Amino acid sequence: MLPSGEGANLAMYDGAELGRAIAAHPDDVEAALAEYEKALFPRSAAVAIEGELLHEALNGDDAPRGFLNLLTGHEQT
């Protein structure tokens, strides 16, 4: 995960969600993991995409305008 501030948040949330899945399926770890992963991968992929967009805005060829565009929602002139 890019250092956008979301990596630690996701790790803590994912740990809690994994714990819930295991508690719901105490005798079937594979079922717990399958349930947990249904939400894990889409959630983390979405945050990774956001992090990549932020990285590009901060470090891309159009920086700092790209970052200002991201913050304001429109093109900077």
PDB file of N, CA and C in Angstrom:
ATOM      1  N   MET A   1       0.850  -1.167   0.000  1.00  0.00           N
ATOM      2  CA  MET A   1       0.000   0.000   0.000  1.00  0.00           C
ATOM      3  C   MET A   1       0.898   1.233   0.000  1.00  0.00           C
ATOM      4  N   LEU A   2       0.550   2.186  -0.837  1.00  0.00           N
ATOM      5  CA  LEU A   2       1.291   3.446  -0.860  1.00  0.00           C
ATOM      6  C   LEU A   2       1.075   4.194   0.450  1.00  0.00           C
ATOM      7  N   PRO A   3       2.031   5.026   0.849  1.00  0.00           N
ATOM      8  CA  PRO A   3       1.900   5.737   2.128  1.00  0.00           C
ATOM      9  C   PRO A   3       0.894   6.895   2.048  1.00  0.00           C
ATOM     10  N   SER A   4      -0.367   6.545   1.874  1.00  0.00           N
ATOM     11  CA  SER A   4      -1.417   7.559   1.816  1.00  0.00           C
ATOM     12  C   SER A   4      -2.126   7.705   3.148  1.00  0.00           C
ATOM     13  N   GLY A   5      -1.733   6.897   4.130  1.00  0.00           N
ATOM     14  CA  GLY A   5      -2.366   6.943   5.437  1.00  0.00           C
ATOM     15  C   GLY A   5      -3.423   5.872   5.617  1.00  0.00           C
ATOM     16  N   GLU A   6      -3.744   5.147   4.567  1.00  0.00           N
ATOM     17  CA  GLU A   6      -4.805   4.160   4.659  1.00  0.00           C
ATOM     18  C   GLU A   6      -4.303   2.750   4.975  1.00  0.00           C
ATOM     19  N   GLY A   7      -3.035   2.493   4.814  1.00  0.00           N
ATOM     20  CA  GLY A   7      -2.513   1.148   5.041  1.00  0.00           C
ATOM     21  C   GLY A   7      -2.741   0.664   6.462  1.00  0.00           C
ATOM     22  N   ALA A   8      -2.406   1.468   7.454  1.00  0.00           N
ATOM     23  CA  ALA A   8      -2.612   1.077   8.853  1.00  0.00           C
ATOM     24  C   ALA A   8      -4.092   0.950   9.173  1.00  0.00           C
ATOM     25  N   ASN A   9      -4.894   1.856   8.636  1.00  0.00           N
ATOM     26  CA  ASN A   9      -6.339   1.785   8.859  1.00  0.00           C
ATOM     27  C   ASN A   9      -6.899   0.478   8.311  1.00  0.00           C
ATOM     28  N   LEU A  10      -6.496   0.115   7.102  1.00  0.00           N
ATOM     29  CA  LEU A  10      -6.959  -1.134   6.510  1.00  0.00           C
ATOM     30  C   LEU A  10      -6.483  -2.345   7.311  1.00  0.00           C
ATOM     31  N   ALA A  11      -5.262  -2.316   7.770  1.00  0.00           N
ATOM     32  CA  ALA A  11      -4.728  -3.446   8.530  1.00  0.00           C
ATOM     33  C   ALA A  11      -5.532  -3.672   9.806  1.00  0.00           C
ATOM     34  N   MET A  12      -5.853  -2.612  10.494  1.00  0.00           N
ATOM     35  CA  MET A  12      -6.624  -2.755  11.733  1.00  0.00           C
ATOM     36  C   MET A  12      -8.055  -3.213  11.433  1.00  0.00           C
ATOM     37  N   TYR A  13      -8.662  -2.642  10.433  1.00  0.00           N
ATOM     38  CA  TYR A  13     -10.017  -3.031  10.056  1.00  0.00           C
ATOM     39  C   TYR A  13     -10.045  -4.483   9.583  1.00  0.00           C
ATOM     40  N   ASP A  14      -9.076  -4.851   8.753  1.00  0.00           N
ATOM     41  CA  ASP A  14      -9.007  -6.219   8.247  1.00  0.00           C
ATOM     42  C   ASP A  14      -8.827  -7.222   9.384  1.00  0.00           C
ATOM     43  N   GLY A  15      -8.009  -6.879  10.366  1.00  0.00           N
ATOM     44  CA  GLY A  15      -7.827  -7.764  11.517  1.00  0.00           C
ATOM     45  C   GLY A  15      -9.127  -7.983  12.277  1.00  0.00           C
ATOM     46  N   ALA A  16      -9.884  -6.908  12.470  1.00  0.00           N
ATOM     47  CA  ALA A  16     -11.172  -7.013  13.160  1.00  0.00           C
ATOM     48  C   ALA A  16     -12.153  -7.855  12.346  1.00  0.00           C
ATOM     49  N   GLU A  17     -12.177  -7.633  11.043  1.00  0.00           N
ATOM     50  CA  GLU A  17     -13.088  -8.395  10.178  1.00  0.00           C
ATOM     51  C   GLU A  17     -12.709  -9.872  10.128  1.00  0.00           C
ATOM     52  N   LEU A  18     -11.429 -10.161  10.132  1.00  0.00           N
ATOM     53  CA  LEU A  18     -10.993 -11.556  10.155  1.00  0.00           C
ATOM     54  C   LEU A  18     -11.411 -12.219  11.463  1.00  0.00           C
ATOM     55  N   GLY A  19     -11.250 -11.493  12.550  1.00  0.00           N
ATOM     56  CA  GLY A  19     -11.687 -12.020  13.844  1.00  0.00           C
ATOM     57  C   GLY A  19     -13.180 -12.325  13.857  1.00  0.00           C
ATOM     58  N   ARG A  20     -13.971 -11.438  13.282  1.00  0.00           N
ATOM     59  CA  ARG A  20     -15.417 -11.669  13.205  1.00  0.00           C
ATOM     60  C   ARG A  20     -15.738 -12.907  12.376  1.00  0.00           C
ATOM     61  N   ALA A  21     -15.060 -13.051  11.257  1.00  0.00           N
ATOM     62  CA  ALA A  21     -15.311 -14.210  10.387  1.00  0.00           C
ATOM     63  C   ALA A  21     -14.942 -15.509  11.095  1.00  0.00           C
ATOM     64  N   ILE A  22     -13.824 -15.512  11.813  1.00  0.00           N
ATOM     65  CA  ILE A  22     -13.417 -16.721  12.541  1.00  0.00           C
ATOM     66  C   ILE A  22     -14.402 -17.020  13.666  1.00  0.00           C
ATOM     67  N   ALA A  23     -14.870 -15.986  14.356  1.00  0.00           N
ATOM     68  CA  ALA A  23     -15.854 -16.192  15.425  1.00  0.00           C
ATOM     69  C   ALA A  23     -17.161 -16.747  14.866  1.00  0.00           C
ATOM     70  N   ALA A  24     -17.523 -16.340  13.653  1.00  0.00           N
ATOM     71  CA  ALA A  24     -18.756 -16.829  13.029  1.00  0.00           C
ATOM     72  C   ALA A  24     -18.617 -18.269  12.526  1.00  0.00           C
ATOM     73  N   HIS A  25     -17.384 -18.699  12.277  1.00  0.00           N
ATOM     74  CA  HIS A  25     -17.122 -20.059  11.769  1.00  0.00           C
ATOM     75  C   HIS A  25     -15.983 -20.693  12.577  1.00  0.00           C
ATOM     76  N   PRO A  26     -16.173 -20.893  13.885  1.00  0.00           N
ATOM     77  CA  PRO A  26     -15.052 -21.362  14.725  1.00  0.00           C
ATOM     78  C   PRO A  26     -14.524 -22.744  14.359  1.00  0.00           C
ATOM     79  N   ASP A  27     -15.344 -23.561  13.725  1.00  0.00           N
ATOM     80  CA  ASP A  27     -14.909 -24.916  13.389  1.00  0.00           C
ATOM     81  C   ASP A  27     -14.531 -25.087  11.923  1.00  0.00           C
ATOM     82  N   ASP A  28     -14.532 -23.974  11.175  1.00  0.00           N
ATOM     83  CA  ASP A  28     -14.241 -24.060   9.738  1.00  0.00           C
ATOM     84  C   ASP A  28     -13.463 -22.825   9.298  1.00  0.00           C
ATOM     85  N   VAL A  29     -12.157 -22.887   9.487  1.00  0.00           N
ATOM     86  CA  VAL A  29     -11.298 -21.742   9.164  1.00  0.00           C
ATOM     87  C   VAL A  29     -11.354 -21.408   7.674  1.00  0.00           C
ATOM     88  N   GLU A  30     -11.454 -22.413   6.829  1.00  0.00           N
ATOM     89  CA  GLU A  30     -11.528 -22.160   5.381  1.00  0.00           C
ATOM     90  C   GLU A  30     -12.774 -21.355   5.032  1.00  0.00           C
ATOM     91  N   ALA A  31     -13.915 -21.680   5.645  1.00  0.00           N
ATOM     92  CA  ALA A  31     -15.147 -20.911   5.406  1.00  0.00           C
ATOM     93  C   ALA A  31     -14.989 -19.492   5.924  1.00  0.00           C
ATOM     94  N   ALA A  32     -14.347 -19.341   7.067  1.00  0.00           N
ATOM     95  CA  ALA A  32     -14.107 -18.007   7.631  1.00  0.00           C
ATOM     96  C   ALA A  32     -13.251 -17.170   6.688  1.00  0.00           C
ATOM     97  N   LEU A  33     -12.177 -17.772   6.183  1.00  0.00           N
ATOM     98  CA  LEU A  33     -11.302 -17.050   5.259  1.00  0.00           C
ATOM     99  C   LEU A  33     -12.020 -16.691   3.962  1.00  0.00           C
ATOM    100  N   ALA A  34     -12.809 -17.605   3.444  1.00  0.00           N
ATOM    101  CA  ALA A  34     -13.541 -17.329   2.204  1.00  0.00           C
ATOM    102  C   ALA A  34     -14.510 -16.173   2.391  1.00  0.00           C
ATOM    103  N   GLU A  35     -15.216 -16.164   3.517  1.00  0.00           N
ATOM    104  CA  GLU A  35     -16.146 -15.066   3.806  1.00  0.00           C
ATOM    105  C   GLU A  35     -15.406 -13.740   3.950  1.00  0.00           C
ATOM    106  N   TYR A  36     -14.320 -13.776   4.682  1.00  0.00           N
ATOM    107  CA  TYR A  36     -13.505 -12.588   4.927  1.00  0.00           C
ATOM    108  C   TYR A  36     -12.936 -12.020   3.625  1.00  0.00           C
ATOM    109  N   GLU A  37     -12.437 -12.890   2.753  1.00  0.00           N
ATOM    110  CA  GLU A  37     -11.796 -12.441   1.523  1.00  0.00           C
ATOM    111  C   GLU A  37     -12.783 -11.862   0.509  1.00  0.00           C
ATOM    112  N   LYS A  38     -14.052 -12.219   0.599  1.00  0.00           N
ATOM    113  CA  LYS A  38     -15.048 -11.644  -0.318  1.00  0.00           C
ATOM    114  C   LYS A  38     -15.092 -10.134  -0.215  1.00  0.00           C
ATOM    115  N   ALA A  39     -14.919  -9.603   0.981  1.00  0.00           N
ATOM    116  CA  ALA A  39     -14.925  -8.153   1.184  1.00  0.00           C
ATOM    117  C   ALA A  39     -13.520  -7.565   1.160  1.00  0.00           C
ATOM    118  N   LEU A  40     -12.536  -8.356   1.584  1.00  0.00           N
ATOM    119  CA  LEU A  40     -11.156  -7.863   1.690  1.00  0.00           C
ATOM    120  C   LEU A  40     -10.599  -7.371   0.366  1.00  0.00           C
ATOM    121  N   PHE A  41     -10.668  -8.199  -0.661  1.00  0.00           N
ATOM    122  CA  PHE A  41     -10.010  -7.846  -1.916  1.00  0.00           C
ATOM    123  C   PHE A  41     -10.624  -6.633  -2.602  1.00  0.00           C
ATOM    124  N   PRO A  42     -11.944  -6.524  -2.717  1.00  0.00           N
ATOM    125  CA  PRO A  42     -12.502  -5.306  -3.328  1.00  0.00           C
ATOM    126  C   PRO A  42     -12.183  -4.043  -2.512  1.00  0.00           C
ATOM    127  N   ARG A  43     -12.254  -4.164  -1.188  1.00  0.00           N
ATOM    128  CA  ARG A  43     -11.983  -3.006  -0.327  1.00  0.00           C
ATOM    129  C   ARG A  43     -10.541  -2.547  -0.487  1.00  0.00           C
ATOM    130  N   SER A  44      -9.599  -3.455  -0.418  1.00  0.00           N
ATOM    131  CA  SER A  44      -8.196  -3.060  -0.511  1.00  0.00           C
ATOM    132  C   SER A  44      -7.826  -2.616  -1.922  1.00  0.00           C
ATOM    133  N   ALA A  45      -8.458  -3.193  -2.936  1.00  0.00           N
ATOM    134  CA  ALA A  45      -8.190  -2.754  -4.311  1.00  0.00           C
ATOM    135  C   ALA A  45      -8.638  -1.320  -4.515  1.00  0.00           C
ATOM    136  N   ALA A  46      -9.798  -0.973  -3.972  1.00  0.00           N
ATOM    137  CA  ALA A  46     -10.296   0.399  -4.121  1.00  0.00           C
ATOM    138  C   ALA A  46      -9.363   1.397  -3.452  1.00  0.00           C
ATOM    139  N   VAL A  47      -8.867   1.065  -2.272  1.00  0.00           N
ATOM    140  CA  VAL A  47      -7.945   1.968  -1.569  1.00  0.00           C
ATOM    141  C   VAL A  47      -6.609   2.044  -2.299  1.00  0.00           C
ATOM    142  N   ALA A  48      -6.161   0.933  -2.866  1.00  0.00           N
ATOM    143  CA  ALA A  48      -4.904   0.946  -3.622  1.00  0.00           C
ATOM    144  C   ALA A  48      -5.021   1.845  -4.852  1.00  0.00           C
ATOM    145  N   ILE A  49      -6.155   1.806  -5.523  1.00  0.00           N
ATOM    146  CA  ILE A  49      -6.375   2.672  -6.694  1.00  0.00           C
ATOM    147  C   ILE A  49      -6.359   4.132  -6.266  1.00  0.00           C
ATOM    148  N   GLU A  50      -7.026   4.446  -5.173  1.00  0.00           N
ATOM    149  CA  GLU A  50      -7.012   5.825  -4.665  1.00  0.00           C
ATOM    150  C   GLU A  50      -5.594   6.267  -4.326  1.00  0.00           C
ATOM    151  N   GLY A  51      -4.818   5.374  -3.720  1.00  0.00           N
ATOM    152  CA  GLY A  51      -3.436   5.693  -3.383  1.00  0.00           C
ATOM    153  C   GLY A  51      -2.591   5.939  -4.615  1.00  0.00           C
ATOM    154  N   GLU A  52      -2.822   5.154  -5.656  1.00  0.00           N
ATOM    155  CA  GLU A  52      -2.079   5.343  -6.909  1.00  0.00           C
ATOM    156  C   GLU A  52      -2.432   6.681  -7.554  1.00  0.00           C
ATOM    157  N   LEU A  53      -3.709   7.049  -7.512  1.00  0.00           N
ATOM    158  CA  LEU A  53      -4.119   8.355  -8.049  1.00  0.00           C
ATOM    159  C   LEU A  53      -3.465   9.487  -7.277  1.00  0.00           C
ATOM    160  N   LEU A  54      -3.412   9.351  -5.963  1.00  0.00           N
ATOM    161  CA  LEU A  54      -2.758  10.373  -5.144  1.00  0.00           C
ATOM    162  C   LEU A  54      -1.265  10.442  -5.459  1.00  0.00           C
ATOM    163  N   HIS A  55      -0.629   9.289  -5.589  1.00  0.00           N
ATOM    164  CA  HIS A  55       0.800   9.254  -5.914  1.00  0.00           C
ATOM    165  C   HIS A  55       1.067   9.951  -7.253  1.00  0.00           C
ATOM    166  N   GLU A  56       0.242   9.652  -8.237  1.00  0.00           N
ATOM    167  CA  GLU A  56       0.415  10.274  -9.553  1.00  0.00           C
ATOM    168  C   GLU A  56       0.191  11.787  -9.476  1.00  0.00           C
ATOM    169  N   ALA A  57      -0.815  12.199  -8.705  1.00  0.00           N
ATOM    170  CA  ALA A  57      -1.091  13.635  -8.572  1.00  0.00           C
ATOM    171  C   ALA A  57       0.053  14.369  -7.892  1.00  0.00           C
ATOM    172  N   LEU A  58       0.693  13.719  -6.931  1.00  0.00           N
ATOM    173  CA  LEU A  58       1.777  14.358  -6.187  1.00  0.00           C
ATOM    174  C   LEU A  58       3.116  14.284  -6.901  1.00  0.00           C
ATOM    175  N   ASN A  59       3.317  13.245  -7.706  1.00  0.00           N
ATOM    176  CA  ASN A  59       4.642  13.011  -8.280  1.00  0.00           C
ATOM    177  C   ASN A  59       4.672  12.912  -9.797  1.00  0.00           C
ATOM    178  N   GLY A  60       3.527  13.003 -10.440  1.00  0.00           N
ATOM    179  CA  GLY A  60       3.461  12.848 -11.887  1.00  0.00           C
ATOM    180  C   GLY A  60       3.990  14.053 -12.629  1.00  0.00           C
ATOM    181  N   ASP A  61       3.959  13.956 -13.931  1.00  0.00           N
ATOM    182  CA  ASP A  61       4.461  15.034 -14.788  1.00  0.00           C
ATOM    183  C   ASP A  61       3.689  16.328 -14.599  1.00  0.00           C
ATOM    184  N   ASP A  62       2.432  16.226 -14.143  1.00  0.00           N
ATOM    185  CA  ASP A  62       1.578  17.401 -13.992  1.00  0.00           C
ATOM    186  C   ASP A  62       1.595  17.970 -12.571  1.00  0.00           C
ATOM    187  N   ALA A  63       2.442  17.456 -11.711  1.00  0.00           N
ATOM    188  CA  ALA A  63       2.501  17.957 -10.331  1.00  0.00           C
ATOM    189  C   ALA A  63       3.050  19.377 -10.337  1.00  0.00           C
ATOM    190  N   PRO A  64       2.593  20.269  -9.511  1.00  0.00           N
ATOM    191  CA  PRO A  64       1.567  20.132  -8.487  1.00  0.00           C
ATOM    192  C   PRO A  64       0.137  20.366  -8.996  1.00  0.00           C
ATOM    193  N   ARG A  65      -0.009  20.700 -10.282  1.00  0.00           N
ATOM    194  CA  ARG A  65      -1.365  20.958 -10.790  1.00  0.00           C
ATOM    195  C   ARG A  65      -2.275  19.746 -10.640  1.00  0.00           C
ATOM    196  N   GLY A  66      -1.727  18.552 -10.850  1.00  0.00           N
ATOM    197  CA  GLY A  66      -2.519  17.342 -10.710  1.00  0.00           C
ATOM    198  C   GLY A  66      -3.089  17.197  -9.310  1.00  0.00           C
ATOM    199  N   PHE A  67      -2.287  17.560  -8.320  1.00  0.00           N
ATOM    200  CA  PHE A  67      -2.753  17.491  -6.943  1.00  0.00           C
ATOM    201  C   PHE A  67      -3.834  18.536  -6.687  1.00  0.00           C
ATOM    202  N   LEU A  68      -3.634  19.739  -7.187  1.00  0.00           N
ATOM    203  CA  LEU A  68      -4.652  20.784  -7.027  1.00  0.00           C
ATOM    204  C   LEU A  68      -5.949  20.394  -7.727  1.00  0.00           C
ATOM    205  N   ASN A  69      -5.847  19.773  -8.899  1.00  0.00           N
ATOM    206  CA  ASN A  69      -7.035  19.300  -9.605  1.00  0.00           C
ATOM    207  C   ASN A  69      -7.773  18.254  -8.767  1.00  0.00           C
ATOM    208  N   LEU A  70      -7.003  17.361  -8.155  1.00  0.00           N
ATOM    209  CA  LEU A  70      -7.595  16.328  -7.315  1.00  0.00           C
ATOM    210  C   LEU A  70      -8.327  16.948  -6.126  1.00  0.00           C
ATOM    211  N   LEU A  71      -7.728  17.941  -5.511  1.00  0.00           N
ATOM    212  CA  LEU A  71      -8.340  18.575  -4.344  1.00  0.00           C
ATOM    213  C   LEU A  71      -9.572  19.405  -4.699  1.00  0.00           C
ATOM    214  N   THR A  72      -9.506  20.119  -5.814  1.00  0.00           N
ATOM    215  CA  THR A  72     -10.579  21.052  -6.141  1.00  0.00           C
ATOM    216  C   THR A  72     -11.648  20.448  -7.052  1.00  0.00           C
ATOM    217  N   GLY A  73     -11.298  19.377  -7.756  1.00  0.00           N
ATOM    218  CA  GLY A  73     -12.251  18.752  -8.656  1.00  0.00           C
ATOM    219  C   GLY A  73     -12.351  19.409 -10.015  1.00  0.00           C
ATOM    220  N   HIS A  74     -11.443  20.338 -10.310  1.00  0.00           N
ATOM    221  CA  HIS A  74     -11.435  20.935 -11.662  1.00  0.00           C
ATOM    222  C   HIS A  74     -10.023  21.315 -12.042  1.00  0.00           C
ATOM    223  N   GLU A  75      -9.850  21.525 -13.338  1.00  0.00           N
ATOM    224  CA  GLU A  75      -8.530  21.831 -13.901  1.00  0.00           C
ATOM    225  C   GLU A  75      -8.023  23.183 -13.418  1.00  0.00           C
ATOM    226  N   GLN A  76      -6.757  23.217 -13.047  1.00  0.00           N
ATOM    227  CA  GLN A  76      -6.084  24.467 -12.684  1.00  0.00           C
ATOM    228  C   GLN A  76      -5.472  25.074 -13.935  1.00  0.00           C
ATOM    229  N   THR A  77      -5.528  26.372 -14.067  1.00  0.00           N
ATOM    230  CA  THR A  77      -4.928  27.023 -15.228  1.00  0.00           C
ATOM    231  C   THR A  77      -3.676  27.761 -14.850  1.00  0.00           C
TER     232      THR A  77
END
